[in-house]
Amino acid sequence: MRSKPVVPSRQARQDVESEIDYYLVEEGSEQAALGFIGEIETAYTKLGRHPAMGSPRYAYELDLPGLRSWPLRRYPHLVFYVERADHVEIWRVINGARDIPAWLHED
C-alpha cells in the first residue's frame, strides 16, 4: 500500500507550535519538546500509511462524517484528521484533557 501525503491545516500547525512552546517555556524542557515533535512525526507517518486506523468516535459525537482521531503514544494529545482521496488532512492536534468538541469548532 502506498502512503498518502499528510497535510496539516493551519490550525493543526498552530496547535503543534503552541504545544512545543508550552514544553519549552512553561515546562522548560527541550527534551519534552523534541519528544513531542518525534511523536507527531511518527503519528503523521502512521496515518499516511494507514489512515483508517484512527477512531471515528468524535465523527459520531459531532456529526462530522469521516473525522477520525489518533492518540499520541507518550503525550496526552489526539490528532484529528480526515482521509481524502489523495492525502490525509490533519485538522487539529489537541490535548485530550481539553473540551474536545469545543476545540474542534474553534477557527
PDB file of N, CA and C in Angstrom:
ATOM      1  N   MET A   1       0.836  -1.187   0.000  1.00  0.00           N
ATOM      2  CA  MET A   1       0.000   0.000   0.000  1.00  0.00           C
ATOM      3  C   MET A   1       0.879   1.248   0.000  1.00  0.00           C
ATOM      4  N   ARG A   2       0.517   2.196  -0.834  1.00  0.00           N
ATOM      5  CA  ARG A   2       1.241   3.458  -0.896  1.00  0.00           C
ATOM      6  C   ARG A   2       0.818   4.390   0.214  1.00  0.00           C
ATOM      7  N   SER A   3       1.760   5.130   0.703  1.00  0.00           N
ATOM      8  CA  SER A   3       1.481   6.117   1.733  1.00  0.00           C
ATOM      9  C   SER A   3       0.924   7.384   1.107  1.00  0.00           C
ATOM     10  N   LYS A   4      -0.078   7.961   1.755  1.00  0.00           N
ATOM     11  CA  LYS A   4      -0.640   9.228   1.294  1.00  0.00           C
ATOM     12  C   LYS A   4       0.101  10.382   1.970  1.00  0.00           C
ATOM     13  N   PRO A   5       0.245  11.494   1.287  1.00  0.00           N
ATOM     14  CA  PRO A   5       0.832  12.661   1.940  1.00  0.00           C
ATOM     15  C   PRO A   5      -0.061  13.114   3.093  1.00  0.00           C
ATOM     16  N   VAL A   6       0.561  13.588   4.151  1.00  0.00           N
ATOM     17  CA  VAL A   6      -0.155  14.116   5.304  1.00  0.00           C
ATOM     18  C   VAL A   6      -0.023  15.633   5.261  1.00  0.00           C
ATOM     19  N   VAL A   7      -1.176  16.311   5.263  1.00  0.00           N
ATOM     20  CA  VAL A   7      -1.191  17.765   5.113  1.00  0.00           C
ATOM     21  C   VAL A   7      -1.872  18.392   6.338  1.00  0.00           C
ATOM     22  N   PRO A   8      -1.076  18.974   7.243  1.00  0.00           N
ATOM     23  CA  PRO A   8      -1.676  19.643   8.405  1.00  0.00           C
ATOM     24  C   PRO A   8      -2.324  20.970   7.996  1.00  0.00           C
ATOM     25  N   SER A   9      -3.478  21.239   8.579  1.00  0.00           N
ATOM     26  CA  SER A   9      -4.141  22.524   8.361  1.00  0.00           C
ATOM     27  C   SER A   9      -3.359  23.617   9.096  1.00  0.00           C
ATOM     28  N   ARG A  10      -3.708  24.851   8.806  1.00  0.00           N
ATOM     29  CA  ARG A  10      -3.082  25.982   9.508  1.00  0.00           C
ATOM     30  C   ARG A  10      -3.302  25.838  11.016  1.00  0.00           C
ATOM     31  N   GLN A  11      -4.528  25.452  11.407  1.00  0.00           N
ATOM     32  CA  GLN A  11      -4.842  25.309  12.830  1.00  0.00           C
ATOM     33  C   GLN A  11      -4.055  24.169  13.465  1.00  0.00           C
ATOM     34  N   ALA A  12      -3.885  23.069  12.756  1.00  0.00           N
ATOM     35  CA  ALA A  12      -3.102  21.949  13.289  1.00  0.00           C
ATOM     36  C   ALA A  12      -1.644  22.360  13.480  1.00  0.00           C
ATOM     37  N   ARG A  13      -1.092  23.097  12.533  1.00  0.00           N
ATOM     38  CA  ARG A  13       0.292  23.584  12.680  1.00  0.00           C
ATOM     39  C   ARG A  13       0.406  24.511  13.877  1.00  0.00           C
ATOM     40  N   GLN A  14      -0.595  25.370  14.069  1.00  0.00           N
ATOM     41  CA  GLN A  14      -0.603  26.270  15.215  1.00  0.00           C
ATOM     42  C   GLN A  14      -0.718  25.486  16.522  1.00  0.00           C
ATOM     43  N   ASP A  15      -1.566  24.435  16.536  1.00  0.00           N
ATOM     44  CA  ASP A  15      -1.697  23.589  17.728  1.00  0.00           C
ATOM     45  C   ASP A  15      -0.343  23.001  18.114  1.00  0.00           C
ATOM     46  N   VAL A  16       0.376  22.464  17.128  1.00  0.00           N
ATOM     47  CA  VAL A  16       1.675  21.834  17.386  1.00  0.00           C
ATOM     48  C   VAL A  16       2.674  22.879  17.882  1.00  0.00           C
ATOM     49  N   GLU A  17       2.714  24.027  17.238  1.00  0.00           N
ATOM     50  CA  GLU A  17       3.638  25.087  17.663  1.00  0.00           C
ATOM     51  C   GLU A  17       3.345  25.546  19.088  1.00  0.00           C
ATOM     52  N   SER A  18       2.069  25.657  19.437  1.00  0.00           N
ATOM     53  CA  SER A  18       1.688  26.059  20.798  1.00  0.00           C
ATOM     54  C   SER A  18       2.153  25.041  21.828  1.00  0.00           C
ATOM     55  N   GLU A  19       2.015  23.768  21.511  1.00  0.00           N
ATOM     56  CA  GLU A  19       2.457  22.722  22.445  1.00  0.00           C
ATOM     57  C   GLU A  19       3.977  22.704  22.581  1.00  0.00           C
ATOM     58  N   ILE A  20       4.672  22.910  21.482  1.00  0.00           N
ATOM     59  CA  ILE A  20       6.138  22.971  21.547  1.00  0.00           C
ATOM     60  C   ILE A  20       6.552  24.135  22.433  1.00  0.00           C
ATOM     61  N   ASP A  21       5.921  25.305  22.247  1.00  0.00           N
ATOM     62  CA  ASP A  21       6.205  26.467  23.096  1.00  0.00           C
ATOM     63  C   ASP A  21       5.927  26.153  24.560  1.00  0.00           C
ATOM     64  N   TYR A  22       4.823  25.457  24.820  1.00  0.00           N
ATOM     65  CA  TYR A  22       4.485  25.084  26.190  1.00  0.00           C
ATOM     66  C   TYR A  22       5.607  24.243  26.815  1.00  0.00           C
ATOM     67  N   TYR A  23       6.048  23.222  26.096  1.00  0.00           N
ATOM     68  CA  TYR A  23       7.089  22.353  26.646  1.00  0.00           C
ATOM     69  C   TYR A  23       8.409  23.101  26.828  1.00  0.00           C
ATOM     70  N   LEU A  24       8.731  24.017  25.919  1.00  0.00           N
ATOM     71  CA  LEU A  24       9.978  24.773  26.021  1.00  0.00           C
ATOM     72  C   LEU A  24       9.919  25.840  27.097  1.00  0.00           C
ATOM     73  N   VAL A  25       8.843  26.623  27.123  1.00  0.00           N
ATOM     74  CA  VAL A  25       8.757  27.780  28.017  1.00  0.00           C
ATOM     75  C   VAL A  25       8.179  27.418  29.382  1.00  0.00           C
ATOM     76  N   GLU A  26       6.983  26.851  29.380  1.00  0.00           N
ATOM     77  CA  GLU A  26       6.306  26.558  30.647  1.00  0.00           C
ATOM     78  C   GLU A  26       6.967  25.413  31.407  1.00  0.00           C
ATOM     79  N   GLU A  27       7.296  24.355  30.694  1.00  0.00           N
ATOM     80  CA  GLU A  27       7.923  23.194  31.331  1.00  0.00           C
ATOM     81  C   GLU A  27       9.446  23.329  31.385  1.00  0.00           C
ATOM     82  N   GLY A  28       9.997  24.181  30.535  1.00  0.00           N
ATOM     83  CA  GLY A  28      11.451  24.363  30.499  1.00  0.00           C
ATOM     84  C   GLY A  28      12.188  23.105  30.076  1.00  0.00           C
ATOM     85  N   SER A  29      11.573  22.335  29.184  1.00  0.00           N
ATOM     86  CA  SER A  29      12.164  21.053  28.818  1.00  0.00           C
ATOM     87  C   SER A  29      12.312  20.916  27.305  1.00  0.00           C
ATOM     88  N   GLU A  30      13.525  21.104  26.848  1.00  0.00           N
ATOM     89  CA  GLU A  30      13.811  20.895  25.434  1.00  0.00           C
ATOM     90  C   GLU A  30      13.594  19.430  25.069  1.00  0.00           C
ATOM     91  N   GLN A  31      13.933  18.539  25.979  1.00  0.00           N
ATOM     92  CA  GLN A  31      13.753  17.107  25.736  1.00  0.00           C
ATOM     93  C   GLN A  31      12.278  16.763  25.521  1.00  0.00           C
ATOM     94  N   ALA A  32      11.381  17.348  26.329  1.00  0.00           N
ATOM     95  CA  ALA A  32       9.948  17.096  26.157  1.00  0.00           C
ATOM     96  C   ALA A  32       9.461  17.651  24.821  1.00  0.00           C
ATOM     97  N   ALA A  33       9.937  18.829  24.445  1.00  0.00           N
ATOM     98  CA  ALA A  33       9.542  19.427  23.166  1.00  0.00           C
ATOM     99  C   ALA A  33      10.004  18.566  21.997  1.00  0.00           C
ATOM    100  N   LEU A  34      11.241  18.105  22.056  1.00  0.00           N
ATOM    101  CA  LEU A  34      11.763  17.249  20.988  1.00  0.00           C
ATOM    102  C   LEU A  34      11.025  15.911  20.948  1.00  0.00           C
ATOM    103  N   GLY A  35      10.683  15.380  22.107  1.00  0.00           N
ATOM    104  CA  GLY A  35       9.909  14.140  22.161  1.00  0.00           C
ATOM    105  C   GLY A  35       8.534  14.322  21.542  1.00  0.00           C
ATOM    106  N   PHE A  36       7.911  15.461  21.815  1.00  0.00           N
ATOM    107  CA  PHE A  36       6.601  15.752  21.242  1.00  0.00           C
ATOM    108  C   PHE A  36       6.694  15.834  19.717  1.00  0.00           C
ATOM    109  N   ILE A  37       7.715  16.507  19.218  1.00  0.00           N
ATOM    110  CA  ILE A  37       7.918  16.601  17.765  1.00  0.00           C
ATOM    111  C   ILE A  37       8.084  15.205  17.168  1.00  0.00           C
ATOM    112  N   GLY A  38       8.869  14.364  17.820  1.00  0.00           N
ATOM    113  CA  GLY A  38       9.067  12.996  17.351  1.00  0.00           C
ATOM    114  C   GLY A  38       7.769  12.201  17.322  1.00  0.00           C
ATOM    115  N   GLU A  39       6.932  12.386  18.345  1.00  0.00           N
ATOM    116  CA  GLU A  39       5.645  11.684  18.398  1.00  0.00           C
ATOM    117  C   GLU A  39       4.722  12.156  17.276  1.00  0.00           C
ATOM    118  N   ILE A  40       4.723  13.449  17.011  1.00  0.00           N
ATOM    119  CA  ILE A  40       3.901  13.988  15.918  1.00  0.00           C
ATOM    120  C   ILE A  40       4.364  13.391  14.589  1.00  0.00           C
ATOM    121  N   GLU A  41       5.668  13.386  14.359  1.00  0.00           N
ATOM    122  CA  GLU A  41       6.194  12.834  13.110  1.00  0.00           C
ATOM    123  C   GLU A  41       5.825  11.365  12.954  1.00  0.00           C
ATOM    124  N   THR A  42       5.938  10.600  14.030  1.00  0.00           N
ATOM    125  CA  THR A  42       5.581   9.180  13.993  1.00  0.00           C
ATOM    126  C   THR A  42       4.098   9.003  13.691  1.00  0.00           C
ATOM    127  N   ALA A  43       3.258   9.796  14.357  1.00  0.00           N
ATOM    128  CA  ALA A  43       1.808   9.695  14.119  1.00  0.00           C
ATOM    129  C   ALA A  43       1.475  10.043  12.676  1.00  0.00           C
ATOM    130  N   TYR A  44       2.059  11.110  12.139  1.00  0.00           N
ATOM    131  CA  TYR A  44       1.769  11.506  10.766  1.00  0.00           C
ATOM    132  C   TYR A  44       2.196  10.417   9.780  1.00  0.00           C
ATOM    133  N   THR A  45       3.330   9.786  10.032  1.00  0.00           N
ATOM    134  CA  THR A  45       3.791   8.703   9.158  1.00  0.00           C
ATOM    135  C   THR A  45       2.812   7.532   9.192  1.00  0.00           C
ATOM    136  N   LYS A  46       2.386   7.143  10.388  1.00  0.00           N
ATOM    137  CA  LYS A  46       1.432   6.038  10.522  1.00  0.00           C
ATOM    138  C   LYS A  46       0.112   6.364   9.844  1.00  0.00           C
ATOM    139  N   LEU A  47      -0.370   7.583  10.034  1.00  0.00           N
ATOM    140  CA  LEU A  47      -1.654   7.969   9.448  1.00  0.00           C
ATOM    141  C   LEU A  47      -1.579   8.024   7.927  1.00  0.00           C
ATOM    142  N   GLY A  48      -0.435   8.415   7.393  1.00  0.00           N
ATOM    143  CA  GLY A  48      -0.265   8.413   5.943  1.00  0.00           C
ATOM    144  C   GLY A  48      -0.305   7.006   5.373  1.00  0.00           C
ATOM    145  N   ARG A  49       0.223   6.048   6.121  1.00  0.00           N
ATOM    146  CA  ARG A  49       0.251   4.654   5.667  1.00  0.00           C
ATOM    147  C   ARG A  49      -1.064   3.924   5.897  1.00  0.00           C
ATOM    148  N   HIS A  50      -1.718   4.232   7.021  1.00  0.00           N
ATOM    149  CA  HIS A  50      -2.936   3.512   7.423  1.00  0.00           C
ATOM    150  C   HIS A  50      -3.984   4.496   7.950  1.00  0.00           C
ATOM    151  N   PRO A  51      -4.579   5.311   7.086  1.00  0.00           N
ATOM    152  CA  PRO A  51      -5.496   6.345   7.548  1.00  0.00           C
ATOM    153  C   PRO A  51      -6.760   5.836   8.241  1.00  0.00           C
ATOM    154  N   ALA A  52      -7.155   4.617   7.979  1.00  0.00           N
ATOM    155  CA  ALA A  52      -8.384   4.102   8.588  1.00  0.00           C
ATOM    156  C   ALA A  52      -8.187   3.595  10.001  1.00  0.00           C
ATOM    157  N   MET A  53      -6.978   3.668  10.534  1.00  0.00           N
ATOM    158  CA  MET A  53      -6.723   3.081  11.844  1.00  0.00           C
ATOM    159  C   MET A  53      -7.227   3.932  13.013  1.00  0.00           C
ATOM    160  N   GLY A  54      -7.541   5.186  12.790  1.00  0.00           N
ATOM    161  CA  GLY A  54      -7.998   6.053  13.874  1.00  0.00           C
ATOM    162  C   GLY A  54      -9.434   5.777  14.280  1.00  0.00           C
ATOM    163  N   SER A  55      -9.785   6.293  15.435  1.00  0.00           N
ATOM    164  CA  SER A  55     -11.129   6.107  15.975  1.00  0.00           C
ATOM    165  C   SER A  55     -12.112   7.102  15.360  1.00  0.00           C
ATOM    166  N   PRO A  56     -13.312   6.627  14.968  1.00  0.00           N
ATOM    167  CA  PRO A  56     -14.343   7.534  14.450  1.00  0.00           C
ATOM    168  C   PRO A  56     -15.258   8.095  15.547  1.00  0.00           C
ATOM    169  N   ARG A  57     -14.899   7.920  16.804  1.00  0.00           N
ATOM    170  CA  ARG A  57     -15.760   8.316  17.930  1.00  0.00           C
ATOM    171  C   ARG A  57     -16.296   9.741  17.788  1.00  0.00           C
ATOM    172  N   TYR A  58     -15.427  10.699  17.571  1.00  0.00           N
ATOM    173  CA  TYR A  58     -15.872  12.092  17.511  1.00  0.00           C
ATOM    174  C   TYR A  58     -16.658  12.394  16.239  1.00  0.00           C
ATOM    175  N   ALA A  59     -16.500  11.601  15.194  1.00  0.00           N
ATOM    176  CA  ALA A  59     -17.307  11.774  13.984  1.00  0.00           C
ATOM    177  C   ALA A  59     -18.781  11.588  14.325  1.00  0.00           C
ATOM    178  N   TYR A  60     -19.054  10.608  15.166  1.00  0.00           N
ATOM    179  CA  TYR A  60     -20.430  10.347  15.572  1.00  0.00           C
ATOM    180  C   TYR A  60     -20.922  11.406  16.556  1.00  0.00           C
ATOM    181  N   GLU A  61     -20.093  11.748  17.527  1.00  0.00           N
ATOM    182  CA  GLU A  61     -20.485  12.727  18.545  1.00  0.00           C
ATOM    183  C   GLU A  61     -20.743  14.103  17.954  1.00  0.00           C
ATOM    184  N   LEU A  62     -19.958  14.482  16.956  1.00  0.00           N
ATOM    185  CA  LEU A  62     -20.033  15.831  16.393  1.00  0.00           C
ATOM    186  C   LEU A  62     -20.730  15.885  15.038  1.00  0.00           C
ATOM    187  N   ASP A  63     -21.176  14.725  14.558  1.00  0.00           N
ATOM    188  CA  ASP A  63     -21.811  14.632  13.245  1.00  0.00           C
ATOM    189  C   ASP A  63     -20.896  15.200  12.153  1.00  0.00           C
ATOM    190  N   LEU A  64     -19.643  14.741  12.157  1.00  0.00           N
ATOM    191  CA  LEU A  64     -18.648  15.131  11.160  1.00  0.00           C
ATOM    192  C   LEU A  64     -18.167  13.863  10.461  1.00  0.00           C
ATOM    193  N   PRO A  65     -18.869  13.427   9.419  1.00  0.00           N
ATOM    194  CA  PRO A  65     -18.516  12.180   8.737  1.00  0.00           C
ATOM    195  C   PRO A  65     -17.058  12.178   8.272  1.00  0.00           C
ATOM    196  N   GLY A  66     -16.391  11.078   8.524  1.00  0.00           N
ATOM    197  CA  GLY A  66     -15.012  10.908   8.083  1.00  0.00           C
ATOM    198  C   GLY A  66     -13.963  11.354   9.079  1.00  0.00           C
ATOM    199  N   LEU A  67     -14.375  12.078  10.112  1.00  0.00           N
ATOM    200  CA  LEU A  67     -13.405  12.539  11.117  1.00  0.00           C
ATOM    201  C   LEU A  67     -12.906  11.354  11.938  1.00  0.00           C
ATOM    202  N   ARG A  68     -11.617  11.285  12.125  1.00  0.00           N
ATOM    203  CA  ARG A  68     -11.001  10.239  12.947  1.00  0.00           C
ATOM    204  C   ARG A  68      -9.998  10.886  13.892  1.00  0.00           C
ATOM    205  N   SER A  69      -9.660  10.157  14.947  1.00  0.00           N
ATOM    206  CA  SER A  69      -8.633  10.650  15.876  1.00  0.00           C
ATOM    207  C   SER A  69      -7.650   9.537  16.171  1.00  0.00           C
ATOM    208  N   TRP A  70      -6.429   9.950  16.456  1.00  0.00           N
ATOM    209  CA  TRP A  70      -5.356   9.020  16.784  1.00  0.00           C
ATOM    210  C   TRP A  70      -4.593   9.583  17.972  1.00  0.00           C
ATOM    211  N   PRO A  71      -4.415   8.789  19.046  1.00  0.00           N
ATOM    212  CA  PRO A  71      -3.695   9.293  20.221  1.00  0.00           C
ATOM    213  C   PRO A  71      -2.180   9.189  20.041  1.00  0.00           C
ATOM    214  N   LEU A  72      -1.485  10.191  20.553  1.00  0.00           N
ATOM    215  CA  LEU A  72      -0.032  10.079  20.609  1.00  0.00           C
ATOM    216  C   LEU A  72       0.305   9.075  21.702  1.00  0.00           C
ATOM    217  N   ARG A  73       1.397   8.383  21.551  1.00  0.00           N
ATOM    218  CA  ARG A  73       1.757   7.303  22.472  1.00  0.00           C
ATOM    219  C   ARG A  73       2.206   7.827  23.831  1.00  0.00           C
ATOM    220  N   ARG A  74       3.096   8.811  23.855  1.00  0.00           N
ATOM    221  CA  ARG A  74       3.680   9.266  25.125  1.00  0.00           C
ATOM    222  C   ARG A  74       3.207  10.645  25.573  1.00  0.00           C
ATOM    223  N   TYR A  75       2.318  11.242  24.844  1.00  0.00           N
ATOM    224  CA  TYR A  75       1.822  12.580  25.186  1.00  0.00           C
ATOM    225  C   TYR A  75       0.293  12.527  25.174  1.00  0.00           C
ATOM    226  N   PRO A  76      -0.359  13.367  25.990  1.00  0.00           N
ATOM    227  CA  PRO A  76      -1.817  13.272  26.119  1.00  0.00           C
ATOM    228  C   PRO A  76      -2.583  14.025  25.029  1.00  0.00           C
ATOM    229  N   HIS A  77      -2.185  13.832  23.802  1.00  0.00           N
ATOM    230  CA  HIS A  77      -2.786  14.566  22.693  1.00  0.00           C
ATOM    231  C   HIS A  77      -3.442  13.616  21.696  1.00  0.00           C
ATOM    232  N   LEU A  78      -4.456  14.158  21.017  1.00  0.00           N
ATOM    233  CA  LEU A  78      -5.138  13.441  19.949  1.00  0.00           C
ATOM    234  C   LEU A  78      -4.928  14.199  18.645  1.00  0.00           C
ATOM    235  N   VAL A  79      -4.660  13.453  17.584  1.00  0.00           N
ATOM    236  CA  VAL A  79      -4.540  14.015  16.251  1.00  0.00           C
ATOM    237  C   VAL A  79      -5.868  13.758  15.547  1.00  0.00           C
ATOM    238  N   PHE A  80      -6.545  14.840  15.120  1.00  0.00           N
ATOM    239  CA  PHE A  80      -7.815  14.726  14.419  1.00  0.00           C
ATOM    240  C   PHE A  80      -7.569  14.928  12.938  1.00  0.00           C
ATOM    241  N   TYR A  81      -8.143  14.045  12.127  1.00  0.00           N
ATOM    242  CA  TYR A  81      -7.853  14.080  10.700  1.00  0.00           C
ATOM    243  C   TYR A  81      -9.004  13.493   9.887  1.00  0.00           C
ATOM    244  N   VAL A  82      -8.938  13.759   8.583  1.00  0.00           N
ATOM    245  CA  VAL A  82      -9.891  13.218   7.618  1.00  0.00           C
ATOM    246  C   VAL A  82      -9.083  12.679   6.446  1.00  0.00           C
ATOM    247  N   GLU A  83      -9.428  11.474   6.025  1.00  0.00           N
ATOM    248  CA  GLU A  83      -8.776  10.910   4.852  1.00  0.00           C
ATOM    249  C   GLU A  83      -9.454  11.451   3.601  1.00  0.00           C
ATOM    250  N   ARG A  84      -8.661  12.011   2.722  1.00  0.00           N
ATOM    251  CA  ARG A  84      -9.140  12.493   1.426  1.00  0.00           C
ATOM    252  C   ARG A  84      -8.678  11.506   0.361  1.00  0.00           C
ATOM    253  N   ALA A  85      -9.131  11.668  -0.863  1.00  0.00           N
ATOM    254  CA  ALA A  85      -8.778  10.744  -1.940  1.00  0.00           C
ATOM    255  C   ALA A  85      -7.269  10.680  -2.166  1.00  0.00           C
ATOM    256  N   ASP A  86      -6.589  11.816  -2.063  1.00  0.00           N
ATOM    257  CA  ASP A  86      -5.164  11.852  -2.398  1.00  0.00           C
ATOM    258  C   ASP A  86      -4.251  12.265  -1.257  1.00  0.00           C
ATOM    259  N   HIS A  87      -4.808  12.494  -0.054  1.00  0.00           N
ATOM    260  CA  HIS A  87      -3.976  12.872   1.093  1.00  0.00           C
ATOM    261  C   HIS A  87      -4.752  12.678   2.396  1.00  0.00           C
ATOM    262  N   VAL A  88      -4.047  12.839   3.502  1.00  0.00           N
ATOM    263  CA  VAL A  88      -4.663  12.815   4.826  1.00  0.00           C
ATOM    264  C   VAL A  88      -4.569  14.244   5.359  1.00  0.00           C
ATOM    265  N   GLU A  89      -5.720  14.821   5.653  1.00  0.00           N
ATOM    266  CA  GLU A  89      -5.776  16.200   6.139  1.00  0.00           C
ATOM    267  C   GLU A  89      -5.848  16.210   7.662  1.00  0.00           C
ATOM    268  N   ILE A  90      -4.839  16.772   8.301  1.00  0.00           N
ATOM    269  CA  ILE A  90      -4.821  16.887   9.751  1.00  0.00           C
ATOM    270  C   ILE A  90      -5.586  18.151  10.124  1.00  0.00           C
ATOM    271  N   TRP A  91      -6.639  17.999  10.921  1.00  0.00           N
ATOM    272  CA  TRP A  91      -7.451  19.150  11.305  1.00  0.00           C
ATOM    273  C   TRP A  91      -6.910  19.832  12.542  1.00  0.00           C
ATOM    274  N   ARG A  92      -6.674  19.052  13.605  1.00  0.00           N
ATOM    275  CA  ARG A  92      -6.243  19.621  14.886  1.00  0.00           C
ATOM    276  C   ARG A  92      -5.352  18.622  15.600  1.00  0.00           C
ATOM    277  N   VAL A  93      -4.547  19.123  16.528  1.00  0.00           N
ATOM    278  CA  VAL A  93      -3.767  18.308  17.463  1.00  0.00           C
ATOM    279  C   VAL A  93      -4.088  18.890  18.830  1.00  0.00           C
ATOM    280  N   ILE A  94      -4.891  18.163  19.611  1.00  0.00           N
ATOM    281  CA  ILE A  94      -5.472  18.713  20.830  1.00  0.00           C
ATOM    282  C   ILE A  94      -5.146  17.842  22.032  1.00  0.00           C
ATOM    283  N   ASN A  95      -4.857  18.502  23.153  1.00  0.00           N
ATOM    284  CA  ASN A  95      -4.639  17.798  24.412  1.00  0.00           C
ATOM    285  C   ASN A  95      -5.952  17.115  24.799  1.00  0.00           C
ATOM    286  N   GLY A  96      -5.890  15.826  25.086  1.00  0.00           N
ATOM    287  CA  GLY A  96      -7.075  15.039  25.396  1.00  0.00           C
ATOM    288  C   GLY A  96      -7.806  15.464  26.648  1.00  0.00           C
ATOM    289  N   ALA A  97      -7.165  16.283  27.504  1.00  0.00           N
ATOM    290  CA  ALA A  97      -7.821  16.754  28.720  1.00  0.00           C
ATOM    291  C   ALA A  97      -8.737  17.947  28.443  1.00  0.00           C
ATOM    292  N   ARG A  98      -8.688  18.484  27.254  1.00  0.00           N
ATOM    293  CA  ARG A  98      -9.489  19.657  26.884  1.00  0.00           C
ATOM    294  C   ARG A  98     -10.917  19.259  26.526  1.00  0.00           C
ATOM    295  N   ASP A  99     -11.763  20.260  26.342  1.00  0.00           N
ATOM    296  CA  ASP A  99     -13.117  20.057  25.855  1.00  0.00           C
ATOM    297  C   ASP A  99     -13.013  19.863  24.345  1.00  0.00           C
ATOM    298  N   ILE A 100     -12.902  18.616  23.920  1.00  0.00           N
ATOM    299  CA  ILE A 100     -12.637  18.291  22.518  1.00  0.00           C
ATOM    300  C   ILE A 100     -13.678  18.888  21.569  1.00  0.00           C
ATOM    301  N   PRO A 101     -14.975  18.711  21.781  1.00  0.00           N
ATOM    302  CA  PRO A 101     -15.932  19.290  20.830  1.00  0.00           C
ATOM    303  C   PRO A 101     -15.780  20.806  20.675  1.00  0.00           C
ATOM    304  N   ALA A 102     -15.552  21.521  21.758  1.00  0.00           N
ATOM    305  CA  ALA A 102     -15.384  22.976  21.666  1.00  0.00           C
ATOM    306  C   ALA A 102     -14.127  23.328  20.895  1.00  0.00           C
ATOM    307  N   TRP A 103     -13.038  22.623  21.137  1.00  0.00           N
ATOM    308  CA  TRP A 103     -11.782  22.929  20.460  1.00  0.00           C
ATOM    309  C   TRP A 103     -11.836  22.606  18.969  1.00  0.00           C
ATOM    310  N   LEU A 104     -12.556  21.581  18.603  1.00  0.00           N
ATOM    311  CA  LEU A 104     -12.657  21.239  17.186  1.00  0.00           C
ATOM    312  C   LEU A 104     -13.412  22.302  16.409  1.00  0.00           C
ATOM    313  N   HIS A 105     -14.291  22.995  17.065  1.00  0.00           N
ATOM    314  CA  HIS A 105     -15.071  24.029  16.375  1.00  0.00           C
ATOM    315  C   HIS A 105     -14.389  25.387  16.380  1.00  0.00           C
ATOM    316  N   GLU A 106     -13.265  25.538  17.101  1.00  0.00           N
ATOM    317  CA  GLU A 106     -12.538  26.802  17.080  1.00  0.00           C
ATOM    318  C   GLU A 106     -11.984  27.029  15.684  1.00  0.00           C
ATOM    319  N   ASP A 107     -11.948  28.261  15.279  1.00  0.00           N
ATOM    320  CA  ASP A 107     -11.413  28.573  13.942  1.00  0.00           C
ATOM    321  C   ASP A 107     -10.012  29.111  14.038  1.00  0.00           C
TER     322      ASP A 107
END
